[in-house]
Each structure stands twice: as C-alpha cells, then as structure tokens.
Amino acid sequence: MQDLVNTKWSIAATPREDSWLKGGMQQQEFTLLSDGSVVWGGSAGGFGTGGRWALKDGIIEVIRSTPLGLLTGRDYYMAGAALKVNDKLQFTLEGIIRSYNAIFPVMVIADFKATRLPGRFVRNEEEEPTDKSE
C-alpha cells in the first residue's frame, strides 16, 4: 500500500480494436492521494474530472468519474496489485480500462501500462488567511 499512496503514474492507454475509444495510444496520468481521491492529467484529465482509488483483494482499482455521471460515463482502471520493476528501476503496472456511459454498455475499452514517477505528491490546499490586524 505504501508504494501507492501519494504517487503519480504515467499511463500509456492503448484502445482495443472493438472499442469506442479511438485515436491510438493516449498519454494519461493519475495521482493517487492518501485520502483515496485521484487527480487526473494528460488525455484523461479535464474540468470536473475526479474519482477515487482503492486496493482490494489484490486488485488496484482507479475510478475516473465526471460530474454528469452516467451520461458521460465512468472509467475503471484495474490492475493486479503485483508491481513490476522496469529497466530504470521504476514500479510498473499493467491492466485494463473498463468503461460505461449512456450510449455504450460496460466494456473493456483499452489496455494500459503505468509507470510510477519519482516523488510523493499531495494536494496543495492553501490555508485561509488570518486577520492579524486585531
């Protein structure tokens, strides 16, 4: 679990041939925060994109959601929790992306390979200014 908390991952998502996701390999990112939330980047990011992540029964599940729910859908990035190490000594994961929305039924739309980026990441929440004039 410690190898996942507050980590950022670079994702190469390759759509499956029968998928509605088109355009070839996409560069994406997700950051898995300690509170269970996810920050998305690359082609998976965008305004209002959120989600959550969990490690359950040996499976890492990262859920990408949007404010419009079923209309725009939800994506599930799923991978076995056994991390591998690449030739640069970075942790890697391989898994699938399941998706559903109002038009398409639940289906596996892509395969992904994730590489952990160096460092630990936290959400930068600015504190409210205090009035020191009193």
C-alpha atoms as a PDB file:
ATOM      1  CA  MET A   1       0.000   0.000   0.000  1.00  0.00           C
ATOM      2  CA  GLN A   2       2.808   2.448   0.819  1.00  0.00           C
ATOM      3  CA  ASP A   3       4.125   2.038  -2.733  1.00  0.00           C
ATOM      4  CA  LEU A   4       0.848   3.578  -3.985  1.00  0.00           C
ATOM      5  CA  VAL A   5      -0.086   6.356  -1.537  1.00  0.00           C
ATOM      6  CA  ASN A   6       0.610   9.886  -2.849  1.00  0.00           C
ATOM      7  CA  THR A   7       2.199   8.611  -6.059  1.00  0.00           C
ATOM      8  CA  LYS A   8       1.893   9.862  -9.631  1.00  0.00           C
ATOM      9  CA  TRP A   9       1.724   7.451 -12.559  1.00  0.00           C
ATOM     10  CA  SER A  10       2.345   7.989 -16.269  1.00  0.00           C
ATOM     11  CA  ILE A  11      -0.159   5.932 -18.288  1.00  0.00           C
ATOM     12  CA  ALA A  12       0.053   4.657 -21.846  1.00  0.00           C
ATOM     13  CA  ALA A  13      -3.517   3.629 -22.746  1.00  0.00           C
ATOM     14  CA  THR A  14      -3.963   1.641 -25.943  1.00  0.00           C
ATOM     15  CA  PRO A  15      -7.573   1.324 -27.191  1.00  0.00           C
ATOM     16  CA  ARG A  16      -8.812  -2.138 -28.109  1.00  0.00           C
ATOM     17  CA  GLU A  17      -9.863  -2.736 -31.698  1.00  0.00           C
ATOM     18  CA  ASP A  18     -13.589  -3.107 -30.895  1.00  0.00           C
ATOM     19  CA  SER A  19     -13.627  -0.128 -28.509  1.00  0.00           C
ATOM     20  CA  TRP A  20     -15.444   3.182 -28.916  1.00  0.00           C
ATOM     21  CA  LEU A  21     -12.212   4.861 -27.768  1.00  0.00           C
ATOM     22  CA  LYS A  22     -10.323   5.839 -30.921  1.00  0.00           C
ATOM     23  CA  GLY A  23      -7.158   7.684 -31.866  1.00  0.00           C
ATOM     24  CA  GLY A  24      -4.370   5.310 -30.980  1.00  0.00           C
ATOM     25  CA  MET A  25      -2.271   5.280 -27.834  1.00  0.00           C
ATOM     26  CA  GLN A  26      -3.073   8.048 -25.355  1.00  0.00           C
ATOM     27  CA  GLN A  27      -0.812   9.575 -22.714  1.00  0.00           C
ATOM     28  CA  GLN A  28      -2.603   9.923 -19.402  1.00  0.00           C
ATOM     29  CA  GLU A  29      -1.675  10.434 -15.764  1.00  0.00           C
ATOM     30  CA  PHE A  30      -3.193   9.800 -12.394  1.00  0.00           C
ATOM     31  CA  THR A  31      -2.060  10.733  -8.909  1.00  0.00           C
ATOM     32  CA  LEU A  32      -3.269   8.506  -6.076  1.00  0.00           C
ATOM     33  CA  LEU A  33      -3.715  10.629  -2.951  1.00  0.00           C
ATOM     34  CA  SER A  34      -3.729   9.415   0.655  1.00  0.00           C
ATOM     35  CA  ASP A  35      -7.407  10.325   1.164  1.00  0.00           C
ATOM     36  CA  GLY A  36      -8.424   7.908  -1.614  1.00  0.00           C
ATOM     37  CA  SER A  37      -9.026  10.625  -4.216  1.00  0.00           C
ATOM     38  CA  VAL A  38      -7.438  10.835  -7.669  1.00  0.00           C
ATOM     39  CA  VAL A  39      -6.097  13.754  -9.699  1.00  0.00           C
ATOM     40  CA  TRP A  40      -6.137  13.132 -13.470  1.00  0.00           C
ATOM     41  CA  GLY A  41      -3.865  14.524 -16.155  1.00  0.00           C
ATOM     42  CA  GLY A  42      -2.965  14.048 -19.801  1.00  0.00           C
ATOM     43  CA  SER A  43      -5.809  12.971 -22.073  1.00  0.00           C
ATOM     44  CA  ALA A  44      -7.753  11.605 -19.051  1.00  0.00           C
ATOM     45  CA  GLY A  45      -7.809  14.988 -17.295  1.00  0.00           C
ATOM     46  CA  GLY A  46     -10.108  17.906 -17.731  1.00  0.00           C
ATOM     47  CA  PHE A  47     -12.544  20.162 -15.955  1.00  0.00           C
ATOM     48  CA  GLY A  48     -14.644  18.348 -13.390  1.00  0.00           C
ATOM     49  CA  THR A  49     -12.836  15.034 -13.657  1.00  0.00           C
ATOM     50  CA  GLY A  50     -12.481  13.306 -10.314  1.00  0.00           C
ATOM     51  CA  GLY A  51     -12.500   9.869  -8.871  1.00  0.00           C
ATOM     52  CA  ARG A  52     -11.238   7.573  -6.206  1.00  0.00           C
ATOM     53  CA  TRP A  53      -8.904   4.632  -5.847  1.00  0.00           C
ATOM     54  CA  ALA A  54      -8.705   1.522  -3.697  1.00  0.00           C
ATOM     55  CA  LEU A  55      -6.649  -1.605  -3.223  1.00  0.00           C
ATOM     56  CA  LYS A  56      -8.979  -4.574  -2.682  1.00  0.00           C
ATOM     57  CA  ASP A  57      -8.405  -8.315  -2.877  1.00  0.00           C
ATOM     58  CA  GLY A  58      -5.137  -7.909  -4.783  1.00  0.00           C
ATOM     59  CA  ILE A  59      -6.628  -5.537  -7.357  1.00  0.00           C
ATOM     60  CA  ILE A  60      -5.886  -1.837  -7.718  1.00  0.00           C
ATOM     61  CA  GLU A  61      -8.965  -0.026  -8.955  1.00  0.00           C
ATOM     62  CA  VAL A  62      -8.765   3.617 -10.030  1.00  0.00           C
ATOM     63  CA  ILE A  63     -12.149   5.117 -10.900  1.00  0.00           C
ATOM     64  CA  ARG A  64     -12.383   8.127 -13.208  1.00  0.00           C
ATOM     65  CA  SER A  65     -15.678   9.993 -12.942  1.00  0.00           C
ATOM     66  CA  THR A  66     -17.204  13.190 -14.307  1.00  0.00           C
ATOM     67  CA  PRO A  67     -19.928  15.469 -12.925  1.00  0.00           C
ATOM     68  CA  LEU A  68     -22.513  14.272 -15.465  1.00  0.00           C
ATOM     69  CA  GLY A  69     -22.375  10.681 -14.168  1.00  0.00           C
ATOM     70  CA  LEU A  70     -23.947   8.062 -16.424  1.00  0.00           C
ATOM     71  CA  LEU A  71     -24.367  10.494 -19.314  1.00  0.00           C
ATOM     72  CA  THR A  72     -20.612  10.947 -19.764  1.00  0.00           C
ATOM     73  CA  GLY A  73     -19.752   7.681 -18.081  1.00  0.00           C
ATOM     74  CA  ARG A  74     -17.247   6.291 -15.688  1.00  0.00           C
ATOM     75  CA  ASP A  75     -13.943   4.512 -16.334  1.00  0.00           C
ATOM     76  CA  TYR A  76     -12.405   1.805 -14.173  1.00  0.00           C
ATOM     77  CA  TYR A  77      -8.650   1.274 -14.407  1.00  0.00           C
ATOM     78  CA  MET A  78      -7.960  -2.182 -12.989  1.00  0.00           C
ATOM     79  CA  ALA A  79      -4.662  -3.974 -12.447  1.00  0.00           C
ATOM     80  CA  GLY A  80      -3.241  -6.763 -10.352  1.00  0.00           C
ATOM     81  CA  ALA A  81      -1.517  -5.349  -7.268  1.00  0.00           C
ATOM     82  CA  ALA A  82       1.780  -7.089  -8.049  1.00  0.00           C
ATOM     83  CA  LEU A  83       4.093  -4.248  -9.025  1.00  0.00           C
ATOM     84  CA  LYS A  84       6.880  -4.934 -11.503  1.00  0.00           C
ATOM     85  CA  VAL A  85      10.132  -3.019 -11.916  1.00  0.00           C
ATOM     86  CA  ASN A  86      11.341  -1.755 -15.307  1.00  0.00           C
ATOM     87  CA  ASP A  87      14.925  -1.321 -16.512  1.00  0.00           C
ATOM     88  CA  LYS A  88      15.025   2.174 -14.936  1.00  0.00           C
ATOM     89  CA  LEU A  89      14.044   0.650 -11.554  1.00  0.00           C
ATOM     90  CA  GLN A  90      10.597   2.288 -11.663  1.00  0.00           C
ATOM     91  CA  PHE A  91       7.485   0.469 -10.453  1.00  0.00           C
ATOM     92  CA  THR A  92       5.097  -0.508 -13.259  1.00  0.00           C
ATOM     93  CA  LEU A  93       1.539  -1.825 -13.522  1.00  0.00           C
ATOM     94  CA  GLU A  94      -0.359  -3.350 -16.417  1.00  0.00           C
ATOM     95  CA  GLY A  95      -4.121  -3.550 -16.582  1.00  0.00           C
ATOM     96  CA  ILE A  96      -7.359  -2.853 -18.398  1.00  0.00           C
ATOM     97  CA  ILE A  97      -9.757   0.077 -18.612  1.00  0.00           C
ATOM     98  CA  ARG A  98     -13.451  -0.797 -18.330  1.00  0.00           C
ATOM     99  CA  SER A  99     -15.942   1.903 -19.206  1.00  0.00           C
ATOM    100  CA  TYR A 100     -19.634   2.599 -19.398  1.00  0.00           C
ATOM    101  CA  ASN A 101     -21.801   5.560 -20.377  1.00  0.00           C
ATOM    102  CA  ALA A 102     -25.307   6.337 -21.611  1.00  0.00           C
ATOM    103  CA  ILE A 103     -24.540   5.205 -25.179  1.00  0.00           C
ATOM    104  CA  PHE A 104     -22.198   2.216 -24.723  1.00  0.00           C
ATOM    105  CA  PRO A 105     -22.618  -0.752 -22.360  1.00  0.00           C
ATOM    106  CA  VAL A 106     -19.905  -1.809 -19.930  1.00  0.00           C
ATOM    107  CA  MET A 107     -16.916  -2.956 -21.964  1.00  0.00           C
ATOM    108  CA  VAL A 108     -13.145  -3.177 -21.845  1.00  0.00           C
ATOM    109  CA  ILE A 109     -12.049  -0.227 -23.973  1.00  0.00           C
ATOM    110  CA  ALA A 110      -8.261  -0.259 -23.560  1.00  0.00           C
ATOM    111  CA  ASP A 111      -5.191  -1.839 -22.074  1.00  0.00           C
ATOM    112  CA  PHE A 112      -2.814   0.306 -20.068  1.00  0.00           C
ATOM    113  CA  LYS A 113       0.754   0.313 -18.859  1.00  0.00           C
ATOM    114  CA  ALA A 114       1.541   2.592 -15.931  1.00  0.00           C
ATOM    115  CA  THR A 115       4.945   3.749 -14.734  1.00  0.00           C
ATOM    116  CA  ARG A 116       5.371   5.354 -11.327  1.00  0.00           C
ATOM    117  CA  LEU A 117       7.015   8.761 -11.470  1.00  0.00           C
ATOM    118  CA  PRO A 118       9.583   9.767  -8.828  1.00  0.00           C
ATOM    119  CA  GLY A 119       8.472  11.591  -5.689  1.00  0.00           C
ATOM    120  CA  ARG A 120       5.420  11.826  -3.476  1.00  0.00           C
ATOM    121  CA  PHE A 121       2.547  14.175  -4.214  1.00  0.00           C
ATOM    122  CA  VAL A 122      -0.081  15.863  -2.052  1.00  0.00           C
ATOM    123  CA  ARG A 123      -2.951  18.202  -2.795  1.00  0.00           C
ATOM    124  CA  ASN A 124      -1.845  21.798  -2.262  1.00  0.00           C
ATOM    125  CA  GLU A 125      -4.671  23.418  -0.344  1.00  0.00           C
ATOM    126  CA  GLU A 126      -3.987  26.989   0.628  1.00  0.00           C
ATOM    127  CA  GLU A 127      -4.930  27.938   4.153  1.00  0.00           C
ATOM    128  CA  GLU A 128      -7.413  30.739   4.657  1.00  0.00           C
ATOM    129  CA  PRO A 129      -5.635  33.969   5.515  1.00  0.00           C
ATOM    130  CA  THR A 130      -5.954  35.050   9.107  1.00  0.00           C
ATOM    131  CA  ASP A 131      -6.628  38.644  10.042  1.00  0.00           C
ATOM    132  CA  LYS A 132      -3.634  39.811  12.085  1.00  0.00           C
ATOM    133  CA  SER A 133      -4.878  43.399  12.483  1.00  0.00           C
ATOM    134  CA  GLU A 134      -6.558  42.730  15.839  1.00  0.00           C
END
